[in-house]
PDB file of N, CA and C in Angstrom:
ATOM      1  N   MET A   1     -34.769 120.495 135.601  1.00  0.00           N
ATOM      2  CA  MET A   1     -35.713 120.918 136.021  1.00  0.00           C
ATOM      3  C   MET A   1     -36.663 118.783 136.016  1.00  0.00           C
ATOM      4  N   ALA A   2     -37.312 118.820 137.646  1.00  0.00           N
ATOM      5  CA  ALA A   2     -38.226 117.433 137.604  1.00  0.00           C
ATOM      6  C   ALA A   2     -39.556 117.379 136.581  1.00  0.00           C
ATOM      7  N   SER A   3     -39.408 116.577 136.118  1.00  0.00           N
ATOM      8  CA  SER A   3     -40.640 116.228 134.947  1.00  0.00           C
ATOM      9  C   SER A   3     -41.737 116.294 135.603  1.00  0.00           C
ATOM     10  N   GLU A   4     -43.102 116.772 135.013  1.00  0.00           N
ATOM     11  CA  GLU A   4     -44.057 116.813 135.930  1.00  0.00           C
ATOM     12  C   GLU A   4     -45.292 115.492 135.562  1.00  0.00           C
ATOM     13  N   LYS A   5     -45.367 114.868 136.654  1.00  0.00           N
ATOM     14  CA  LYS A   5     -46.752 113.567 136.666  1.00  0.00           C
ATOM     15  C   LYS A   5     -47.976 114.203 136.153  1.00  0.00           C
ATOM     16  N   LYS A   6     -48.171 113.588 134.982  1.00  0.00           N
ATOM     17  CA  LYS A   6     -49.430 113.742 134.197  1.00  0.00           C
ATOM     18  C   LYS A   6     -50.805 113.096 134.202  1.00  0.00           C
ATOM     19  N   TYR A   7     -49.919 112.110 134.121  1.00  0.00           N
ATOM     20  CA  TYR A   7     -51.021 111.101 134.327  1.00  0.00           C
ATOM     21  C   TYR A   7     -51.256 109.953 135.393  1.00  0.00           C
ATOM     22  N   ARG A   8     -52.935 109.683 135.526  1.00  0.00           N
ATOM     23  CA  ARG A   8     -52.997 109.129 136.862  1.00  0.00           C
ATOM     24  C   ARG A   8     -53.437 107.845 136.782  1.00  0.00           C
ATOM     25  N   VAL A   9     -53.483 107.028 137.297  1.00  0.00           N
ATOM     26  CA  VAL A   9     -54.144 105.611 137.048  1.00  0.00           C
ATOM     27  C   VAL A   9     -55.784 105.764 137.605  1.00  0.00           C
ATOM     28  N   THR A  10     -56.548 104.973 136.994  1.00  0.00           N
ATOM     29  CA  THR A  10     -57.379 104.251 137.088  1.00  0.00           C
ATOM     30  C   THR A  10     -58.282 103.495 137.782  1.00  0.00           C
ATOM     31  N   LYS A  11     -59.153 103.406 138.217  1.00  0.00           N
ATOM     32  CA  LYS A  11     -59.708 102.007 138.634  1.00  0.00           C
ATOM     33  C   LYS A  11     -59.657 100.811 138.350  1.00  0.00           C
ATOM     34  N   ARG A  12     -59.566 100.725 136.589  1.00  0.00           N
ATOM     35  CA  ARG A  12     -59.391  99.608 135.772  1.00  0.00           C
ATOM     36  C   ARG A  12     -57.736  99.324 136.215  1.00  0.00           C
ATOM     37  N   HIS A  13     -56.836 100.571 136.205  1.00  0.00           N
ATOM     38  CA  HIS A  13     -55.446  99.991 136.565  1.00  0.00           C
ATOM     39  C   HIS A  13     -54.987  99.540 137.966  1.00  0.00           C
ATOM     40  N   ILE A  14     -55.595 100.080 138.246  1.00  0.00           N
ATOM     41  CA  ILE A  14     -55.559  99.593 140.097  1.00  0.00           C
ATOM     42  C   ILE A  14     -56.138  97.851 139.980  1.00  0.00           C
ATOM     43  N   GLU A  15     -57.130  97.607 139.626  1.00  0.00           N
ATOM     44  CA  GLU A  15     -57.576  96.425 139.521  1.00  0.00           C
ATOM     45  C   GLU A  15     -56.994  94.979 138.714  1.00  0.00           C
ATOM     46  N   LEU A  16     -56.284  95.837 137.687  1.00  0.00           N
ATOM     47  CA  LEU A  16     -55.287  94.901 136.499  1.00  0.00           C
ATOM     48  C   LEU A  16     -54.220  95.134 137.525  1.00  0.00           C
ATOM     49  N   PHE A  17     -53.654  95.800 137.836  1.00  0.00           N
ATOM     50  CA  PHE A  17     -52.633  95.982 139.304  1.00  0.00           C
ATOM     51  C   PHE A  17     -52.736  94.737 140.134  1.00  0.00           C
ATOM     52  N   LYS A  18     -53.612  94.996 140.695  1.00  0.00           N
ATOM     53  CA  LYS A  18     -54.248  93.628 141.874  1.00  0.00           C
ATOM     54  C   LYS A  18     -54.642  92.234 141.356  1.00  0.00           C
ATOM     55  N   ARG A  19     -54.986  92.506 140.104  1.00  0.00           N
ATOM     56  CA  ARG A  19     -54.876  90.569 139.604  1.00  0.00           C
ATOM     57  C   ARG A  19     -53.624  90.282 139.607  1.00  0.00           C
ATOM     58  N   ARG A  20     -52.879  91.238 138.361  1.00  0.00           N
ATOM     59  CA  ARG A  20     -51.519  90.533 138.044  1.00  0.00           C
ATOM     60  C   ARG A  20     -50.968  90.455 139.646  1.00  0.00           C
ATOM     61  N   VAL A  21     -50.621  90.885 140.575  1.00  0.00           N
ATOM     62  CA  VAL A  21     -49.980  91.007 141.603  1.00  0.00           C
ATOM     63  C   VAL A  21     -50.238  89.327 142.316  1.00  0.00           C
ATOM     64  N   LYS A  22     -51.837  89.633 142.426  1.00  0.00           N
ATOM     65  CA  LYS A  22     -51.944  88.168 143.048  1.00  0.00           C
ATOM     66  C   LYS A  22     -51.785  86.806 141.669  1.00  0.00           C
ATOM     67  N   TYR A  23     -51.481  86.803 140.810  1.00  0.00           N
ATOM     68  CA  TYR A  23     -51.251  86.186 139.800  1.00  0.00           C
ATOM     69  C   TYR A  23     -49.669  85.751 140.190  1.00  0.00           C
ATOM     70  N   TRP A  24     -49.102  87.391 139.708  1.00  0.00           N
ATOM     71  CA  TRP A  24     -47.409  86.427 140.188  1.00  0.00           C
ATOM     72  C   TRP A  24     -47.016  85.759 141.716  1.00  0.00           C
ATOM     73  N   LEU A  25     -47.827  86.299 143.040  1.00  0.00           N
ATOM     74  CA  LEU A  25     -47.462  85.636 143.768  1.00  0.00           C
ATOM     75  C   LEU A  25     -47.767  84.067 144.326  1.00  0.00           C
ATOM     76  N   ASP A  26     -48.753  83.721 143.199  1.00  0.00           N
ATOM     77  CA  ASP A  26     -49.695  82.206 143.480  1.00  0.00           C
ATOM     78  C   ASP A  26     -48.449  81.925 142.398  1.00  0.00           C
ATOM     79  N   ARG A  27     -47.861  82.645 141.477  1.00  0.00           N
ATOM     80  CA  ARG A  27     -47.119  81.490 140.207  1.00  0.00           C
ATOM     81  C   ARG A  27     -45.577  81.349 141.726  1.00  0.00           C
ATOM     82  N   LEU A  28     -45.314  82.389 142.021  1.00  0.00           N
ATOM     83  CA  LEU A  28     -44.229  82.157 143.096  1.00  0.00           C
ATOM     84  C   LEU A  28     -44.716  81.341 144.345  1.00  0.00           C
ATOM     85  N   ALA A  29     -45.883  80.963 144.707  1.00  0.00           N
ATOM     86  CA  ALA A  29     -46.397  80.344 145.985  1.00  0.00           C
ATOM     87  C   ALA A  29     -45.684  81.029 147.034  1.00  0.00           C
ATOM     88  N   ILE A  30     -45.957  82.465 146.923  1.00  0.00           N
ATOM     89  CA  ILE A  30     -46.069  83.411 148.083  1.00  0.00           C
ATOM     90  C   ILE A  30     -47.617  83.406 149.052  1.00  0.00           C
ATOM     91  N   THR A  31     -47.936  82.681 149.877  1.00  0.00           N
ATOM     92  CA  THR A  31     -48.825  82.598 150.438  1.00  0.00           C
ATOM     93  C   THR A  31     -49.112  83.023 152.052  1.00  0.00           C
ATOM     94  N   GLU A  32     -47.941  82.769 151.789  1.00  0.00           N
ATOM     95  CA  GLU A  32     -47.516  83.043 153.776  1.00  0.00           C
ATOM     96  C   GLU A  32     -48.074  84.806 154.424  1.00  0.00           C
ATOM     97  N   TYR A  33     -48.070  85.893 153.374  1.00  0.00           N
ATOM     98  CA  TYR A  33     -48.322  87.222 153.403  1.00  0.00           C
ATOM     99  C   TYR A  33     -49.512  87.357 153.604  1.00  0.00           C
ATOM    100  N   GLN A  34     -50.237  88.262 154.357  1.00  0.00           N
ATOM    101  CA  GLN A  34     -51.328  88.672 154.136  1.00  0.00           C
ATOM    102  C   GLN A  34     -51.178  89.870 153.273  1.00  0.00           C
ATOM    103  N   VAL A  35     -51.209  90.461 152.583  1.00  0.00           N
ATOM    104  CA  VAL A  35     -51.138  91.384 151.340  1.00  0.00           C
ATOM    105  C   VAL A  35     -52.540  92.487 151.001  1.00  0.00           C
ATOM    106  N   TYR A  36     -51.758  94.008 151.083  1.00  0.00           N
ATOM    107  CA  TYR A  36     -52.872  94.987 150.913  1.00  0.00           C
ATOM    108  C   TYR A  36     -51.753  95.496 150.112  1.00  0.00           C
ATOM    109  N   PHE A  37     -52.702  96.209 149.141  1.00  0.00           N
ATOM    110  CA  PHE A  37     -52.840  97.381 148.269  1.00  0.00           C
ATOM    111  C   PHE A  37     -53.197  98.728 148.461  1.00  0.00           C
ATOM    112  N   GLU A  38     -52.073  99.608 148.320  1.00  0.00           N
ATOM    113  CA  GLU A  38     -52.412 100.797 148.309  1.00  0.00           C
ATOM    114  C   GLU A  38     -52.507 102.350 147.110  1.00  0.00           C
ATOM    115  N   VAL A  39     -52.956 103.186 146.555  1.00  0.00           N
ATOM    116  CA  VAL A  39     -52.447 103.821 145.462  1.00  0.00           C
ATOM    117  C   VAL A  39     -52.088 105.275 145.987  1.00  0.00           C
ATOM    118  N   GLU A  40     -50.365 105.980 145.918  1.00  0.00           N
ATOM    119  CA  GLU A  40     -50.619 106.721 146.653  1.00  0.00           C
ATOM    120  C   GLU A  40     -49.105 106.984 146.016  1.00  0.00           C
ATOM    121  N   ASP A  41     -48.709 108.368 145.494  1.00  0.00           N
ATOM    122  CA  ASP A  41     -47.648 108.273 145.413  1.00  0.00           C
ATOM    123  C   ASP A  41     -46.621 107.961 145.917  1.00  0.00           C
ATOM    124  N   VAL A  42     -45.733 106.920 144.738  1.00  0.00           N
ATOM    125  CA  VAL A  42     -44.479 106.652 145.357  1.00  0.00           C
ATOM    126  C   VAL A  42     -43.375 107.889 144.925  1.00  0.00           C
ATOM    127  N   GLU A  43     -42.262 107.914 145.544  1.00  0.00           N
ATOM    128  CA  GLU A  43     -41.238 108.924 145.223  1.00  0.00           C
ATOM    129  C   GLU A  43     -39.874 107.969 144.199  1.00  0.00           C
ATOM    130  N   GLY A  44     -40.352 108.617 143.163  1.00  0.00           N
ATOM    131  CA  GLY A  44     -39.432 107.810 142.059  1.00  0.00           C
ATOM    132  C   GLY A  44     -39.364 106.588 141.431  1.00  0.00           C
ATOM    133  N   ALA A  45     -40.806 106.599 141.760  1.00  0.00           N
ATOM    134  CA  ALA A  45     -41.065 105.051 141.283  1.00  0.00           C
ATOM    135  C   ALA A  45     -42.485 104.651 140.841  1.00  0.00           C
ATOM    136  N   TYR A  46     -42.873 103.416 140.341  1.00  0.00           N
ATOM    137  CA  TYR A  46     -44.360 103.295 140.032  1.00  0.00           C
ATOM    138  C   TYR A  46     -44.912 102.065 140.543  1.00  0.00           C
ATOM    139  N   GLY A  47     -44.276 102.051 141.927  1.00  0.00           N
ATOM    140  CA  GLY A  47     -44.542 100.485 142.461  1.00  0.00           C
ATOM    141  C   GLY A  47     -43.781 101.018 144.160  1.00  0.00           C
ATOM    142  N   ALA A  48     -44.483 100.307 144.639  1.00  0.00           N
ATOM    143  CA  ALA A  48     -43.363  99.666 146.198  1.00  0.00           C
ATOM    144  C   ALA A  48     -43.992  99.119 146.672  1.00  0.00           C
ATOM    145  N   CYS A  49     -43.343  98.086 147.584  1.00  0.00           N
ATOM    146  CA  CYS A  49     -43.379  96.912 148.206  1.00  0.00           C
ATOM    147  C   CYS A  49     -42.947  97.103 149.891  1.00  0.00           C
ATOM    148  N   ILE A  50     -43.734  97.540 150.921  1.00  0.00           N
ATOM    149  CA  ILE A  50     -43.043  96.794 151.856  1.00  0.00           C
ATOM    150  C   ILE A  50     -43.683  96.341 153.006  1.00  0.00           C
ATOM    151  N   ALA A  51     -43.008  95.183 153.714  1.00  0.00           N
ATOM    152  CA  ALA A  51     -43.483  94.023 154.312  1.00  0.00           C
ATOM    153  C   ALA A  51     -42.995  94.238 155.892  1.00  0.00           C
ATOM    154  N   ASP A  52     -43.866  94.176 156.732  1.00  0.00           N
ATOM    155  CA  ASP A  52     -43.628  93.047 158.344  1.00  0.00           C
ATOM    156  C   ASP A  52     -43.201  92.003 158.198  1.00  0.00           C
ATOM    157  N   LEU A  53     -42.129  91.718 158.267  1.00  0.00           N
ATOM    158  CA  LEU A  53     -41.691  90.385 158.630  1.00  0.00           C
ATOM    159  C   LEU A  53     -42.448  89.061 159.851  1.00  0.00           C
ATOM    160  N   PRO A  54     -42.203  89.909 160.786  1.00  0.00           N
ATOM    161  CA  PRO A  54     -42.954  89.030 161.832  1.00  0.00           C
ATOM    162  C   PRO A  54     -44.370  88.790 161.871  1.00  0.00           C
ATOM    163  N   GLY A  55     -45.268  89.714 161.444  1.00  0.00           N
ATOM    164  CA  GLY A  55     -46.059  89.754 161.382  1.00  0.00           C
ATOM    165  C   GLY A  55     -47.157  89.892 160.104  1.00  0.00           C
ATOM    166  N   MET A  56     -45.985  88.907 159.295  1.00  0.00           N
ATOM    167  CA  MET A  56     -45.911  88.136 157.730  1.00  0.00           C
ATOM    168  C   MET A  56     -47.279  88.806 157.011  1.00  0.00           C
ATOM    169  N   VAL A  57     -47.225  90.123 157.209  1.00  0.00           N
ATOM    170  CA  VAL A  57     -48.225  91.658 156.179  1.00  0.00           C
ATOM    171  C   VAL A  57     -47.502  92.428 155.411  1.00  0.00           C
ATOM    172  N   ALA A  58     -47.785  92.457 154.341  1.00  0.00           N
ATOM    173  CA  ALA A  58     -47.205  93.108 153.274  1.00  0.00           C
ATOM    174  C   ALA A  58     -47.820  93.909 152.236  1.00  0.00           C
ATOM    175  N   THR A  59     -47.753  95.383 152.387  1.00  0.00           N
ATOM    176  CA  THR A  59     -48.841  96.237 151.371  1.00  0.00           C
ATOM    177  C   THR A  59     -48.196  96.631 150.078  1.00  0.00           C
ATOM    178  N   ILE A  60     -48.493  96.388 148.938  1.00  0.00           N
ATOM    179  CA  ILE A  60     -48.013  96.721 147.733  1.00  0.00           C
ATOM    180  C   ILE A  60     -48.720  98.115 146.968  1.00  0.00           C
ATOM    181  N   PHE A  61     -47.371  98.870 146.913  1.00  0.00           N
ATOM    182  CA  PHE A  61     -48.381 100.314 146.396  1.00  0.00           C
ATOM    183  C   PHE A  61     -48.521 100.356 145.162  1.00  0.00           C
ATOM    184  N   LEU A  62     -49.120 101.014 144.071  1.00  0.00           N
ATOM    185  CA  LEU A  62     -49.435 101.192 142.707  1.00  0.00           C
ATOM    186  C   LEU A  62     -49.523 102.802 142.388  1.00  0.00           C
ATOM    187  N   ALA A  63     -48.040 103.404 142.153  1.00  0.00           N
ATOM    188  CA  ALA A  63     -48.171 105.112 142.505  1.00  0.00           C
ATOM    189  C   ALA A  63     -49.385 105.562 141.711  1.00  0.00           C
ATOM    190  N   GLU A  64     -49.698 106.837 142.184  1.00  0.00           N
ATOM    191  CA  GLU A  64     -51.511 106.785 142.027  1.00  0.00           C
ATOM    192  C   GLU A  64     -50.415 108.522 140.419  1.00  0.00           C
ATOM    193  N   GLN A  65     -49.816 109.240 140.840  1.00  0.00           N
ATOM    194  CA  GLN A  65     -49.218 109.652 139.209  1.00  0.00           C
ATOM    195  C   GLN A  65     -48.077 109.240 138.130  1.00  0.00           C
ATOM    196  N   TRP A  66     -47.943 109.070 136.975  1.00  0.00           N
ATOM    197  CA  TRP A  66     -46.335 108.821 136.479  1.00  0.00           C
ATOM    198  C   TRP A  66     -46.472 109.562 135.650  1.00  0.00           C
ATOM    199  N   GLU A  67     -44.978 109.282 135.360  1.00  0.00           N
ATOM    200  CA  GLU A  67     -44.934 110.387 133.959  1.00  0.00           C
ATOM    201  C   GLU A  67     -44.613 110.365 132.826  1.00  0.00           C
ATOM    202  N   GLU A  68     -45.137 108.985 132.776  1.00  0.00           N
ATOM    203  CA  GLU A  68     -45.297 108.547 131.111  1.00  0.00           C
ATOM    204  C   GLU A  68     -46.706 107.591 131.048  1.00  0.00           C
ATOM    205  N   GLU A  69     -47.083 107.326 129.783  1.00  0.00           N
ATOM    206  CA  GLU A  69     -48.136 107.480 129.995  1.00  0.00           C
ATOM    207  C   GLU A  69     -48.646 105.748 130.127  1.00  0.00           C
ATOM    208  N   ILE A  70     -50.224 105.742 131.114  1.00  0.00           N
ATOM    209  CA  ILE A  70     -50.093 104.411 132.299  1.00  0.00           C
ATOM    210  C   ILE A  70     -50.651 103.257 130.860  1.00  0.00           C
ATOM    211  N   THR A  71     -50.199 102.255 130.335  1.00  0.00           N
ATOM    212  CA  THR A  71     -50.216 100.896 129.066  1.00  0.00           C
ATOM    213  C   THR A  71     -50.518  99.842 130.773  1.00  0.00           C
ATOM    214  N   ASP A  72     -51.160  98.482 129.762  1.00  0.00           N
ATOM    215  CA  ASP A  72     -51.723  97.280 130.523  1.00  0.00           C
ATOM    216  C   ASP A  72     -49.855  97.072 130.889  1.00  0.00           C
ATOM    217  N   GLU A  73     -49.312  97.015 129.583  1.00  0.00           N
ATOM    218  CA  GLU A  73     -47.851  96.613 130.014  1.00  0.00           C
ATOM    219  C   GLU A  73     -47.038  96.826 131.014  1.00  0.00           C
ATOM    220  N   ARG A  74     -47.471  98.644 131.009  1.00  0.00           N
ATOM    221  CA  ARG A  74     -46.231  98.884 132.217  1.00  0.00           C
ATOM    222  C   ARG A  74     -47.219  98.532 133.361  1.00  0.00           C
ATOM    223  N   ILE A  75     -48.359  97.803 133.697  1.00  0.00           N
ATOM    224  CA  ILE A  75     -49.131  98.022 134.934  1.00  0.00           C
ATOM    225  C   ILE A  75     -48.538  96.075 135.229  1.00  0.00           C
ATOM    226  N   GLU A  76     -48.270  95.545 133.965  1.00  0.00           N
ATOM    227  CA  GLU A  76     -47.837  94.395 134.618  1.00  0.00           C
ATOM    228  C   GLU A  76     -46.718  94.084 135.401  1.00  0.00           C
ATOM    229  N   SER A  77     -45.792  95.259 134.454  1.00  0.00           N
ATOM    230  CA  SER A  77     -44.140  95.072 134.852  1.00  0.00           C
ATOM    231  C   SER A  77     -43.868  95.361 135.904  1.00  0.00           C
ATOM    232  N   THR A  78     -44.968  96.785 136.376  1.00  0.00           N
ATOM    233  CA  THR A  78     -45.059  96.792 137.778  1.00  0.00           C
ATOM    234  C   THR A  78     -45.587  96.028 138.927  1.00  0.00           C
ATOM    235  N   ALA A  79     -46.231  95.028 138.438  1.00  0.00           N
ATOM    236  CA  ALA A  79     -47.257  94.540 139.244  1.00  0.00           C
ATOM    237  C   ALA A  79     -46.018  93.093 139.293  1.00  0.00           C
ATOM    238  N   ARG A  80     -45.231  92.151 138.217  1.00  0.00           N
ATOM    239  CA  ARG A  80     -44.361  91.687 138.266  1.00  0.00           C
ATOM    240  C   ARG A  80     -43.263  92.163 139.509  1.00  0.00           C
ATOM    241  N   HIS A  81     -42.445  93.123 138.992  1.00  0.00           N
ATOM    242  CA  HIS A  81     -41.584  93.827 139.439  1.00  0.00           C
ATOM    243  C   HIS A  81     -42.022  93.503 141.671  1.00  0.00           C
ATOM    244  N   GLU A  82     -42.777  93.970 141.549  1.00  0.00           N
ATOM    245  CA  GLU A  82     -43.217  94.285 143.128  1.00  0.00           C
ATOM    246  C   GLU A  82     -43.562  93.078 143.901  1.00  0.00           C
ATOM    247  N   SER A  83     -44.484  92.522 143.214  1.00  0.00           N
ATOM    248  CA  SER A  83     -44.184  90.662 143.850  1.00  0.00           C
ATOM    249  C   SER A  83     -42.953  90.239 143.660  1.00  0.00           C
ATOM    250  N   PHE A  84     -41.974  90.343 142.922  1.00  0.00           N
ATOM    251  CA  PHE A  84     -40.650  89.778 142.844  1.00  0.00           C
ATOM    252  C   PHE A  84     -39.943  90.848 144.605  1.00  0.00           C
ATOM    253  N   GLU A  85     -39.725  91.629 144.873  1.00  0.00           N
ATOM    254  CA  GLU A  85     -39.868  92.575 145.442  1.00  0.00           C
ATOM    255  C   GLU A  85     -40.260  91.471 146.826  1.00  0.00           C
ATOM    256  N   LEU A  86     -41.688  91.018 146.865  1.00  0.00           N
ATOM    257  CA  LEU A  86     -41.627  90.784 148.192  1.00  0.00           C
ATOM    258  C   LEU A  86     -41.223  88.904 148.080  1.00  0.00           C
ATOM    259  N   LEU A  87     -40.718  88.771 147.430  1.00  0.00           N
ATOM    260  CA  LEU A  87     -39.872  87.735 147.257  1.00  0.00           C
ATOM    261  C   LEU A  87     -39.144  87.474 147.851  1.00  0.00           C
ATOM    262  N   MET A  88     -37.932  88.617 147.860  1.00  0.00           N
ATOM    263  CA  MET A  88     -36.672  88.816 148.163  1.00  0.00           C
ATOM    264  C   MET A  88     -36.705  89.070 149.631  1.00  0.00           C
ATOM    265  N   GLN A  89     -38.062  90.224 149.957  1.00  0.00           N
ATOM    266  CA  GLN A  89     -37.671  90.395 151.760  1.00  0.00           C
ATOM    267  C   GLN A  89     -36.928  90.299 152.623  1.00  0.00           C
ATOM    268  N   PRO A  90     -37.825  89.009 153.008  1.00  0.00           N
ATOM    269  CA  PRO A  90     -37.153  87.938 154.158  1.00  0.00           C
ATOM    270  C   PRO A  90     -35.319  88.287 153.931  1.00  0.00           C
ATOM    271  N   LEU A  91     -34.718  88.193 153.015  1.00  0.00           N
ATOM    272  CA  LEU A  91     -33.179  88.450 152.636  1.00  0.00           C
ATOM    273  C   LEU A  91     -32.602  89.763 153.034  1.00  0.00           C
ATOM    274  N   TRP A  92     -33.765  90.837 151.813  1.00  0.00           N
ATOM    275  CA  TRP A  92     -33.486  92.330 152.454  1.00  0.00           C
ATOM    276  C   TRP A  92     -33.291  92.817 153.848  1.00  0.00           C
ATOM    277  N   HIS A  93     -34.181  92.241 154.388  1.00  0.00           N
ATOM    278  CA  HIS A  93     -34.599  92.544 156.137  1.00  0.00           C
ATOM    279  C   HIS A  93     -33.346  92.293 156.657  1.00  0.00           C
ATOM    280  N   ALA A  94     -33.103  90.915 156.630  1.00  0.00           N
ATOM    281  CA  ALA A  94     -31.698  90.348 157.715  1.00  0.00           C
ATOM    282  C   ALA A  94     -30.493  91.097 156.860  1.00  0.00           C
ATOM    283  N   THR A  95     -30.312  91.783 155.391  1.00  0.00           N
ATOM    284  CA  THR A  95     -29.164  91.908 155.097  1.00  0.00           C
ATOM    285  C   THR A  95     -29.476  93.732 156.086  1.00  0.00           C
ATOM    286  N   LEU A  96     -30.471  94.247 156.307  1.00  0.00           N
ATOM    287  CA  LEU A  96     -30.464  96.086 156.667  1.00  0.00           C
ATOM    288  C   LEU A  96     -30.283  95.520 158.065  1.00  0.00           C
ATOM    289  N   CYS A  97     -30.995  94.265 158.605  1.00  0.00           N
ATOM    290  CA  CYS A  97     -31.033  94.636 160.180  1.00  0.00           C
ATOM    291  C   CYS A  97     -29.530  94.112 160.733  1.00  0.00           C
ATOM    292  N   ARG A  98     -28.571  93.427 159.783  1.00  0.00           N
ATOM    293  CA  ARG A  98     -27.293  93.014 160.211  1.00  0.00           C
ATOM    294  C   ARG A  98     -27.617  91.586 161.240  1.00  0.00           C
ATOM    295  N   GLU A  99     -28.534  91.040 160.846  1.00  0.00           N
ATOM    296  CA  GLU A  99     -29.301  89.921 161.824  1.00  0.00           C
ATOM    297  C   GLU A  99     -29.072  88.513 160.849  1.00  0.00           C
ATOM    298  N   LEU A 100     -28.512  89.010 159.741  1.00  0.00           N
ATOM    299  CA  LEU A 100     -27.879  87.555 159.056  1.00  0.00           C
ATOM    300  C   LEU A 100     -27.287  86.186 159.625  1.00  0.00           C
ATOM    301  N   ASN A 101     -28.355  85.239 159.954  1.00  0.00           N
ATOM    302  CA  ASN A 101     -28.049  84.017 160.549  1.00  0.00           C
ATOM    303  C   ASN A 101     -27.809  83.124 159.514  1.00  0.00           C
ATOM    304  N   ILE A 102     -26.669  82.271 159.021  1.00  0.00           N
ATOM    305  CA  ILE A 102     -25.883  82.092 157.884  1.00  0.00           C
ATOM    306  C   ILE A 102     -26.834  80.914 157.934  1.00  0.00           C
ATOM    307  N   ASP A 103     -27.538  79.917 158.464  1.00  0.00           N
ATOM    308  CA  ASP A 103     -27.973  78.687 158.495  1.00  0.00           C
ATOM    309  C   ASP A 103     -29.966  79.047 157.575  1.00  0.00           C
ATOM    310  N   TRP A 104     -30.447  80.209 158.677  1.00  0.00           N
ATOM    311  CA  TRP A 104     -31.757  80.737 158.357  1.00  0.00           C
ATOM    312  C   TRP A 104     -31.754  81.341 156.654  1.00  0.00           C
ATOM    313  N   ALA A 105     -30.370  82.312 156.285  1.00  0.00           N
ATOM    314  CA  ALA A 105     -29.926  83.065 154.742  1.00  0.00           C
ATOM    315  C   ALA A 105     -30.024  81.818 154.141  1.00  0.00           C
ATOM    316  N   ASN A 106     -29.460  80.502 154.387  1.00  0.00           N
ATOM    317  CA  ASN A 106     -29.323  79.301 153.822  1.00  0.00           C
ATOM    318  C   ASN A 106     -30.377  79.299 153.127  1.00  0.00           C
ATOM    319  N   SER A 107     -31.518  78.937 154.582  1.00  0.00           N
ATOM    320  CA  SER A 107     -32.923  78.481 154.218  1.00  0.00           C
ATOM    321  C   SER A 107     -33.740  79.378 153.423  1.00  0.00           C
ATOM    322  N   GLN A 108     -33.054  80.576 153.649  1.00  0.00           N
ATOM    323  CA  GLN A 108     -34.281  81.438 152.082  1.00  0.00           C
ATOM    324  C   GLN A 108     -33.900  81.475 151.243  1.00  0.00           C
ATOM    325  N   ARG A 109     -32.719  81.326 151.277  1.00  0.00           N
ATOM    326  CA  ARG A 109     -31.691  81.644 149.296  1.00  0.00           C
ATOM    327  C   ARG A 109     -32.300  80.376 149.059  1.00  0.00           C
ATOM    328  N   HIS A 110     -32.197  78.896 149.792  1.00  0.00           N
ATOM    329  CA  HIS A 110     -32.995  77.665 149.004  1.00  0.00           C
ATOM    330  C   HIS A 110     -34.987  77.996 148.401  1.00  0.00           C
ATOM    331  N   THR A 111     -35.433  78.673 149.752  1.00  0.00           N
ATOM    332  CA  THR A 111     -36.784  78.864 149.402  1.00  0.00           C
ATOM    333  C   THR A 111     -36.772  79.817 148.171  1.00  0.00           C
ATOM    334  N   ILE A 112     -36.229  80.252 148.266  1.00  0.00           N
ATOM    335  CA  ILE A 112     -36.486  81.498 146.745  1.00  0.00           C
ATOM    336  C   ILE A 112     -36.279  80.908 145.715  1.00  0.00           C
ATOM    337  N   ILE A 113     -34.898  80.071 145.673  1.00  0.00           N
ATOM    338  CA  ILE A 113     -34.648  78.896 144.525  1.00  0.00           C
ATOM    339  C   ILE A 113     -35.852  77.591 144.175  1.00  0.00           C
ATOM    340  N   ARG A 114     -36.238  77.192 145.339  1.00  0.00           N
ATOM    341  CA  ARG A 114     -37.367  76.194 145.083  1.00  0.00           C
ATOM    342  C   ARG A 114     -38.619  77.109 144.440  1.00  0.00           C
ATOM    343  N   ARG A 115     -39.030  78.538 144.592  1.00  0.00           N
ATOM    344  CA  ARG A 115     -40.176  79.299 144.393  1.00  0.00           C
ATOM    345  C   ARG A 115     -40.174  79.633 142.944  1.00  0.00           C
ATOM    346  N   LEU A 116     -38.685  79.681 142.571  1.00  0.00           N
ATOM    347  CA  LEU A 116     -38.589  79.851 141.097  1.00  0.00           C
ATOM    348  C   LEU A 116     -38.275  78.488 140.192  1.00  0.00           C
ATOM    349  N   GLU A 117     -37.827  77.544 141.012  1.00  0.00           N
ATOM    350  CA  GLU A 117     -37.830  76.290 139.856  1.00  0.00           C
ATOM    351  C   GLU A 117     -39.350  75.933 139.287  1.00  0.00           C
ATOM    352  N   LYS A 118     -39.921  75.731 141.055  1.00  0.00           N
ATOM    353  CA  LYS A 118     -41.667  75.408 140.301  1.00  0.00           C
ATOM    354  C   LYS A 118     -42.271  77.047 139.042  1.00  0.00           C
ATOM    355  N   LEU A 119     -41.831  78.090 139.774  1.00  0.00           N
ATOM    356  CA  LEU A 119     -42.252  78.795 138.425  1.00  0.00           C
ATOM    357  C   LEU A 119     -41.884  78.501 137.238  1.00  0.00           C
ATOM    358  N   LEU A 120     -40.831  78.503 136.538  1.00  0.00           N
ATOM    359  CA  LEU A 120     -40.058  78.169 135.107  1.00  0.00           C
ATOM    360  C   LEU A 120     -40.785  76.396 135.456  1.00  0.00           C
ATOM    361  N   ASP A 121     -40.953  75.361 135.747  1.00  0.00           N
ATOM    362  CA  ASP A 121     -41.269  74.376 135.879  1.00  0.00           C
ATOM    363  C   ASP A 121     -43.005  74.396 135.363  1.00  0.00           C
ATOM    364  N   LYS A 122     -43.201  75.333 135.280  1.00  0.00           N
ATOM    365  CA  LYS A 122     -44.565  75.379 134.899  1.00  0.00           C
ATOM    366  C   LYS A 122     -45.092  76.123 133.834  1.00  0.00           C
TER     367      LYS A 122
END
């Protein structure tokens, strides 16, 4: 039997989620995307990230309904996770599209490494 979703995010949860995503994107130096936020049901997750790489646009979702109590810590964890999803989008896209150019992939790998180095150096 599927678990019933009985908790709904509040306006405060949504604002916290947006703030924390923006915080992580800033820490990761991900500034090249126009980022939008949506709140809607996400199948099997508390968040999601969809990116249009050619357009440099990303939508980051927060699930509207949760199966467990919504805490600030869970919102923070979801925001961090979705920010990391956006960090990995270029390599994921290349893998799915089978357009993997070795020079481009190497460049993307090093871009991710440099972002993580900056994050850890702070």
